[in-house]
Amino acid sequence: MSSRVSEIPAASPNAVAEYYGQKLAFETDCSDVQLSIASGNTDFVLLDVRGPSLFGQQHIPGAVNLPHGKMTARKMAEWPDDTLFVVYCAGPHCNGTDKAALRLGMLGKRVKVMIGGMTGWADEGFLFLAP
């Protein structure tokens, strides 16, 4: 008799590797972003896609404030074509990162979502910049 867990068979190891390889191509996490910042190895531009007032109250060190509605071809041309953007917003309850990732993709830009956003950053105990 199978359990509720195993009544639907697990995916093959190859399918698992393909799925998670694809998933990680679309996202990163707070820990990897923080480690990159702390080590000075930021080969990406960190975009806070919340509004300017929330950004002014508190944001992740090194982040640039750019709400998804302000992401235009002209604005994004300020960075080289091969720039990797990492976007974040308030947290898992916010779809601002999804809207920003969609916009950047439509503009032909490389992008990853930082899962967790500000909530995840705080949960990890990382510091914010505030006025």
N, C-alpha and C. Protein backbone atom coordinates (compact mmCIF):
# COMPACT_ATOMS: atom_id res chain seq x y z
N MET A 1 0.85 -1.18 0.00
CA MET A 1 0.00 0.00 0.00
C MET A 1 0.89 1.24 0.00
N SER A 2 0.63 2.14 -0.91
CA SER A 2 1.47 3.33 -1.00
C SER A 2 0.93 4.46 -0.10
N SER A 3 1.82 5.35 0.25
CA SER A 3 1.45 6.50 1.07
C SER A 3 0.88 7.61 0.17
N ARG A 4 0.36 8.64 0.78
CA ARG A 4 -0.11 9.80 0.02
C ARG A 4 1.05 10.44 -0.74
N VAL A 5 2.24 10.32 -0.22
CA VAL A 5 3.42 10.89 -0.87
C VAL A 5 3.76 10.11 -2.13
N SER A 6 3.72 8.80 -2.04
CA SER A 6 4.19 7.99 -3.17
C SER A 6 3.09 7.48 -4.10
N GLU A 7 1.83 7.80 -3.82
CA GLU A 7 0.76 7.30 -4.70
C GLU A 7 0.89 7.86 -6.11
N ILE A 8 1.44 9.05 -6.24
CA ILE A 8 1.82 9.59 -7.56
C ILE A 8 3.32 9.38 -7.66
N PRO A 9 3.78 8.60 -8.60
CA PRO A 9 5.21 8.27 -8.68
C PRO A 9 6.09 9.53 -8.84
N ALA A 10 7.25 9.45 -8.22
CA ALA A 10 8.22 10.55 -8.35
C ALA A 10 8.73 10.61 -9.78
N ALA A 11 9.14 11.80 -10.17
CA ALA A 11 9.71 11.99 -11.50
C ALA A 11 11.03 11.24 -11.61
N SER A 12 11.43 10.98 -12.83
CA SER A 12 12.72 10.33 -13.05
C SER A 12 13.85 11.28 -12.65
N PRO A 13 15.00 10.73 -12.29
CA PRO A 13 16.13 11.60 -11.95
C PRO A 13 16.46 12.60 -13.07
N ASN A 14 16.39 12.18 -14.31
CA ASN A 14 16.67 13.10 -15.42
C ASN A 14 15.65 14.23 -15.47
N ALA A 15 14.37 13.90 -15.25
CA ALA A 15 13.33 14.93 -15.25
C ALA A 15 13.52 15.90 -14.09
N VAL A 16 13.92 15.37 -12.94
CA VAL A 16 14.19 16.22 -11.78
C VAL A 16 15.34 17.19 -12.08
N ALA A 17 16.43 16.67 -12.63
CA ALA A 17 17.58 17.51 -12.95
C ALA A 17 17.20 18.58 -13.97
N GLU A 18 16.43 18.21 -14.97
CA GLU A 18 16.02 19.19 -15.99
C GLU A 18 15.11 20.26 -15.38
N TYR A 19 14.14 19.85 -14.59
CA TYR A 19 13.21 20.80 -13.96
C TYR A 19 13.93 21.80 -13.07
N TYR A 20 14.78 21.30 -12.16
CA TYR A 20 15.44 22.21 -11.22
C TYR A 20 16.53 23.03 -11.88
N GLY A 21 17.15 22.49 -12.92
CA GLY A 21 18.10 23.29 -13.69
C GLY A 21 17.40 24.48 -14.33
N GLN A 22 16.22 24.23 -14.88
CA GLN A 22 15.43 25.31 -15.47
C GLN A 22 14.96 26.30 -14.41
N LYS A 23 14.49 25.78 -13.28
CA LYS A 23 13.99 26.65 -12.22
C LYS A 23 15.08 27.61 -11.74
N LEU A 24 16.28 27.09 -11.54
CA LEU A 24 17.37 27.93 -11.05
C LEU A 24 17.87 28.91 -12.11
N ALA A 25 17.53 28.68 -13.35
CA ALA A 25 17.86 29.65 -14.40
C ALA A 25 16.97 30.89 -14.29
N PHE A 26 15.85 30.76 -13.60
CA PHE A 26 14.90 31.86 -13.47
C PHE A 26 14.98 32.58 -12.13
N GLU A 27 15.61 31.96 -11.14
CA GLU A 27 15.60 32.57 -9.81
C GLU A 27 16.91 32.36 -9.06
N THR A 28 17.06 33.21 -8.05
CA THR A 28 18.17 33.10 -7.11
C THR A 28 17.58 33.34 -5.73
N ASP A 29 18.38 33.25 -4.69
CA ASP A 29 17.82 33.50 -3.37
C ASP A 29 18.60 34.58 -2.64
N CYS A 30 18.04 34.99 -1.51
CA CYS A 30 18.63 36.09 -0.74
C CYS A 30 20.05 35.78 -0.30
N SER A 31 20.29 34.55 0.11
CA SER A 31 21.61 34.16 0.58
C SER A 31 22.67 34.30 -0.52
N ASP A 32 22.35 33.85 -1.73
CA ASP A 32 23.32 33.97 -2.84
C ASP A 32 23.56 35.42 -3.21
N VAL A 33 22.51 36.23 -3.17
CA VAL A 33 22.67 37.66 -3.47
C VAL A 33 23.53 38.31 -2.39
N GLN A 34 23.24 38.04 -1.14
CA GLN A 34 24.01 38.64 -0.04
C GLN A 34 25.47 38.22 -0.08
N LEU A 35 25.73 36.95 -0.33
CA LEU A 35 27.10 36.47 -0.41
C LEU A 35 27.84 37.14 -1.56
N SER A 36 27.19 37.32 -2.68
CA SER A 36 27.81 38.00 -3.82
C SER A 36 28.14 39.45 -3.48
N ILE A 37 27.20 40.14 -2.83
CA ILE A 37 27.44 41.53 -2.43
C ILE A 37 28.59 41.60 -1.43
N ALA A 38 28.55 40.75 -0.41
CA ALA A 38 29.58 40.76 0.64
C ALA A 38 30.96 40.46 0.10
N SER A 39 31.03 39.60 -0.91
CA SER A 39 32.33 39.23 -1.47
C SER A 39 32.80 40.20 -2.55
N GLY A 40 31.95 41.15 -2.91
CA GLY A 40 32.31 42.10 -3.96
C GLY A 40 32.21 41.51 -5.36
N ASN A 41 31.58 40.36 -5.47
CA ASN A 41 31.44 39.69 -6.76
C ASN A 41 30.01 39.85 -7.28
N THR A 42 29.66 41.08 -7.59
CA THR A 42 28.31 41.34 -8.10
C THR A 42 28.38 41.49 -9.61
N ASP A 43 28.15 40.39 -10.28
CA ASP A 43 28.14 40.38 -11.75
C ASP A 43 26.71 40.54 -12.26
N PHE A 44 25.93 41.29 -11.50
CA PHE A 44 24.52 41.55 -11.81
C PHE A 44 24.16 42.92 -11.28
N VAL A 45 23.03 43.44 -11.74
CA VAL A 45 22.48 44.68 -11.22
C VAL A 45 21.25 44.30 -10.40
N LEU A 46 21.24 44.70 -9.15
CA LEU A 46 20.14 44.39 -8.25
C LEU A 46 19.10 45.51 -8.34
N LEU A 47 17.89 45.15 -8.77
CA LEU A 47 16.82 46.13 -8.94
C LEU A 47 15.73 45.92 -7.91
N ASP A 48 15.48 46.95 -7.12
CA ASP A 48 14.35 46.98 -6.20
C ASP A 48 13.19 47.55 -6.99
N VAL A 49 12.16 46.75 -7.22
CA VAL A 49 11.07 47.16 -8.11
C VAL A 49 9.88 47.74 -7.36
N ARG A 50 10.05 48.00 -6.07
CA ARG A 50 9.00 48.66 -5.29
C ARG A 50 9.00 50.15 -5.61
N GLY A 51 8.02 50.86 -5.10
CA GLY A 51 7.94 52.30 -5.32
C GLY A 51 9.05 53.05 -4.60
N PRO A 52 9.31 54.28 -5.05
CA PRO A 52 10.39 55.09 -4.45
C PRO A 52 10.23 55.34 -2.96
N SER A 53 9.00 55.50 -2.47
CA SER A 53 8.85 55.78 -1.04
C SER A 53 9.26 54.57 -0.19
N LEU A 54 8.87 53.38 -0.60
CA LEU A 54 9.29 52.18 0.14
C LEU A 54 10.80 51.98 0.03
N PHE A 55 11.34 52.22 -1.16
CA PHE A 55 12.79 52.11 -1.35
C PHE A 55 13.51 53.07 -0.42
N GLY A 56 12.99 54.30 -0.30
CA GLY A 56 13.60 55.31 0.56
C GLY A 56 13.57 54.94 2.03
N GLN A 57 12.57 54.17 2.43
CA GLN A 57 12.47 53.75 3.83
C GLN A 57 13.49 52.68 4.18
N GLN A 58 13.72 51.77 3.22
CA GLN A 58 14.61 50.64 3.49
C GLN A 58 14.80 49.85 2.21
N HIS A 59 16.04 49.46 1.95
CA HIS A 59 16.33 48.63 0.77
C HIS A 59 17.62 47.83 0.98
N ILE A 60 17.87 46.93 0.07
CA ILE A 60 19.05 46.08 0.14
C ILE A 60 20.26 46.88 -0.35
N PRO A 61 21.39 46.78 0.34
CA PRO A 61 22.58 47.53 -0.08
C PRO A 61 22.95 47.24 -1.54
N GLY A 62 23.23 48.30 -2.28
CA GLY A 62 23.65 48.17 -3.67
C GLY A 62 22.51 48.14 -4.66
N ALA A 63 21.27 48.10 -4.16
CA ALA A 63 20.12 48.04 -5.06
C ALA A 63 19.85 49.38 -5.72
N VAL A 64 19.32 49.29 -6.93
CA VAL A 64 18.86 50.45 -7.69
C VAL A 64 17.34 50.38 -7.69
N ASN A 65 16.69 51.50 -7.41
CA ASN A 65 15.23 51.51 -7.43
C ASN A 65 14.72 51.73 -8.85
N LEU A 66 13.97 50.75 -9.35
CA LEU A 66 13.40 50.85 -10.69
C LEU A 66 12.11 50.03 -10.76
N PRO A 67 10.97 50.67 -10.45
CA PRO A 67 9.69 49.96 -10.55
C PRO A 67 9.46 49.47 -11.98
N HIS A 68 8.76 48.34 -12.10
CA HIS A 68 8.60 47.72 -13.42
C HIS A 68 7.96 48.66 -14.44
N GLY A 69 7.09 49.56 -14.01
CA GLY A 69 6.47 50.50 -14.93
C GLY A 69 7.44 51.50 -15.54
N LYS A 70 8.59 51.65 -14.94
CA LYS A 70 9.62 52.58 -15.43
C LYS A 70 10.67 51.88 -16.30
N MET A 71 10.51 50.58 -16.49
CA MET A 71 11.48 49.81 -17.29
C MET A 71 11.12 49.95 -18.76
N THR A 72 11.80 50.87 -19.41
CA THR A 72 11.58 51.10 -20.83
C THR A 72 12.86 50.75 -21.59
N ALA A 73 12.74 50.61 -22.88
CA ALA A 73 13.92 50.33 -23.69
C ALA A 73 14.97 51.42 -23.49
N ARG A 74 14.54 52.65 -23.43
CA ARG A 74 15.48 53.78 -23.25
C ARG A 74 16.18 53.67 -21.90
N LYS A 75 15.42 53.41 -20.84
CA LYS A 75 16.01 53.31 -19.50
C LYS A 75 16.97 52.13 -19.42
N MET A 76 16.58 50.98 -19.95
CA MET A 76 17.41 49.79 -19.84
C MET A 76 18.65 49.87 -20.71
N ALA A 77 18.66 50.76 -21.69
CA ALA A 77 19.84 50.96 -22.53
C ALA A 77 21.00 51.58 -21.75
N GLU A 78 20.74 52.01 -20.52
CA GLU A 78 21.81 52.56 -19.67
C GLU A 78 22.81 51.47 -19.26
N TRP A 79 22.42 50.21 -19.39
CA TRP A 79 23.28 49.09 -19.04
C TRP A 79 23.67 48.32 -20.29
N PRO A 80 24.83 47.66 -20.28
CA PRO A 80 25.22 46.84 -21.44
C PRO A 80 24.17 45.76 -21.73
N ASP A 81 24.09 45.36 -22.98
CA ASP A 81 23.09 44.38 -23.41
C ASP A 81 23.17 43.05 -22.67
N ASP A 82 24.37 42.65 -22.25
CA ASP A 82 24.52 41.35 -21.60
C ASP A 82 24.38 41.40 -20.07
N THR A 83 23.91 42.54 -19.54
CA THR A 83 23.75 42.68 -18.09
C THR A 83 22.72 41.69 -17.56
N LEU A 84 23.04 41.07 -16.44
CA LEU A 84 22.09 40.22 -15.72
C LEU A 84 21.45 41.09 -14.64
N PHE A 85 20.12 41.13 -14.64
CA PHE A 85 19.38 41.87 -13.63
C PHE A 85 18.79 40.87 -12.64
N VAL A 86 18.85 41.24 -11.35
CA VAL A 86 18.20 40.47 -10.30
C VAL A 86 17.15 41.41 -9.70
N VAL A 87 15.91 40.98 -9.72
CA VAL A 87 14.81 41.83 -9.26
C VAL A 87 14.22 41.30 -7.96
N TYR A 88 13.79 42.24 -7.11
CA TYR A 88 13.09 41.87 -5.88
C TYR A 88 12.05 42.92 -5.56
N CYS A 89 11.05 42.50 -4.78
CA CYS A 89 10.04 43.43 -4.28
C CYS A 89 9.81 43.15 -2.80
N ALA A 90 8.59 43.33 -2.34
CA ALA A 90 8.31 43.21 -0.90
C ALA A 90 8.49 41.79 -0.38
N GLY A 91 8.04 40.81 -1.13
CA GLY A 91 8.14 39.44 -0.65
C GLY A 91 7.25 38.52 -1.45
N PRO A 92 7.04 37.32 -0.94
CA PRO A 92 6.28 36.31 -1.69
C PRO A 92 4.83 36.71 -1.97
N HIS A 93 4.31 37.66 -1.20
CA HIS A 93 2.94 38.11 -1.38
C HIS A 93 2.81 39.17 -2.48
N CYS A 94 3.91 39.53 -3.10
CA CYS A 94 3.96 40.61 -4.08
C CYS A 94 4.34 40.05 -5.45
N ASN A 95 3.63 40.46 -6.50
CA ASN A 95 3.99 39.97 -7.83
C ASN A 95 4.80 40.98 -8.63
N GLY A 96 5.34 41.97 -7.95
CA GLY A 96 6.16 42.98 -8.63
C GLY A 96 7.38 42.38 -9.32
N THR A 97 7.98 41.36 -8.71
CA THR A 97 9.13 40.73 -9.35
C THR A 97 8.73 40.02 -10.63
N ASP A 98 7.56 39.38 -10.62
CA ASP A 98 7.09 38.70 -11.82
C ASP A 98 6.83 39.70 -12.94
N LYS A 99 6.21 40.83 -12.59
CA LYS A 99 5.94 41.87 -13.60
C LYS A 99 7.25 42.45 -14.13
N ALA A 100 8.22 42.65 -13.24
CA ALA A 100 9.52 43.18 -13.66
C ALA A 100 10.26 42.18 -14.54
N ALA A 101 10.25 40.91 -14.15
CA ALA A 101 10.92 39.88 -14.94
C ALA A 101 10.29 39.78 -16.32
N LEU A 102 8.97 39.82 -16.37
CA LEU A 102 8.28 39.78 -17.66
C LEU A 102 8.67 40.97 -18.52
N ARG A 103 8.66 42.15 -17.93
CA ARG A 103 9.01 43.36 -18.67
C ARG A 103 10.44 43.28 -19.20
N LEU A 104 11.37 42.88 -18.35
CA LEU A 104 12.77 42.78 -18.77
C LEU A 104 12.95 41.74 -19.87
N GLY A 105 12.30 40.60 -19.71
CA GLY A 105 12.36 39.58 -20.76
C GLY A 105 11.83 40.09 -22.09
N MET A 106 10.73 40.83 -22.04
CA MET A 106 10.15 41.39 -23.26
C MET A 106 11.07 42.43 -23.89
N LEU A 107 11.91 43.05 -23.05
CA LEU A 107 12.88 44.02 -23.56
C LEU A 107 14.19 43.36 -23.98
N GLY A 108 14.23 42.03 -23.93
CA GLY A 108 15.42 41.30 -24.36
C GLY A 108 16.54 41.26 -23.34
N LYS A 109 16.19 41.46 -22.06
CA LYS A 109 17.21 41.48 -21.00
C LYS A 109 17.23 40.16 -20.23
N ARG A 110 18.41 39.82 -19.70
CA ARG A 110 18.57 38.64 -18.85
C ARG A 110 18.14 39.01 -17.44
N VAL A 111 17.39 38.13 -16.80
CA VAL A 111 16.85 38.47 -15.48
C VAL A 111 16.65 37.21 -14.65
N LYS A 112 16.85 37.39 -13.34
CA LYS A 112 16.49 36.37 -12.35
C LYS A 112 15.70 37.08 -11.25
N VAL A 113 14.79 36.35 -10.66
CA VAL A 113 14.01 36.84 -9.53
C VAL A 113 14.70 36.40 -8.24
N MET A 114 14.84 37.34 -7.30
CA MET A 114 15.35 36.97 -5.98
C MET A 114 14.15 36.55 -5.15
N ILE A 115 14.00 35.23 -4.97
CA ILE A 115 12.85 34.72 -4.24
C ILE A 115 12.90 35.20 -2.79
N GLY A 116 11.74 35.53 -2.26
CA GLY A 116 11.64 35.99 -0.87
C GLY A 116 11.56 37.50 -0.75
N GLY A 117 12.22 38.22 -1.65
CA GLY A 117 12.19 39.68 -1.60
C GLY A 117 12.66 40.23 -0.26
N MET A 118 12.08 41.36 0.12
CA MET A 118 12.46 42.01 1.38
C MET A 118 12.14 41.11 2.58
N THR A 119 11.04 40.38 2.50
CA THR A 119 10.67 39.47 3.59
C THR A 119 11.72 38.39 3.77
N GLY A 120 12.16 37.80 2.67
CA GLY A 120 13.19 36.77 2.73
C GLY A 120 14.50 37.32 3.25
N TRP A 121 14.85 38.52 2.79
CA TRP A 121 16.09 39.17 3.24
C TRP A 121 16.07 39.35 4.76
N ALA A 122 14.95 39.84 5.29
CA ALA A 122 14.81 40.04 6.73
C ALA A 122 14.84 38.70 7.47
N ASP A 123 14.15 37.69 6.91
CA ASP A 123 14.13 36.36 7.54
C ASP A 123 15.54 35.78 7.67
N GLU A 124 16.40 36.09 6.71
CA GLU A 124 17.78 35.59 6.75
C GLU A 124 18.65 36.38 7.73
N GLY A 125 18.13 37.52 8.22
CA GLY A 125 18.87 38.33 9.18
C GLY A 125 19.87 39.28 8.53
N PHE A 126 19.70 39.53 7.22
CA PHE A 126 20.61 40.43 6.53
C PHE A 126 20.20 41.88 6.77
N LEU A 127 21.17 42.77 6.67
CA LEU A 127 20.94 44.18 6.96
C LEU A 127 20.38 44.92 5.75
N PHE A 128 19.61 45.97 6.06
CA PHE A 128 19.05 46.86 5.06
C PHE A 128 19.74 48.21 5.16
N LEU A 129 19.63 48.99 4.11
CA LEU A 129 20.02 50.39 4.15
C LEU A 129 18.76 51.20 4.38
N ALA A 130 18.86 52.17 5.26
CA ALA A 130 17.72 53.06 5.55
C ALA A 130 18.27 54.48 5.66
N PRO A 131 17.38 55.46 5.48
CA PRO A 131 17.84 56.86 5.55
C PRO A 131 18.40 57.23 6.90
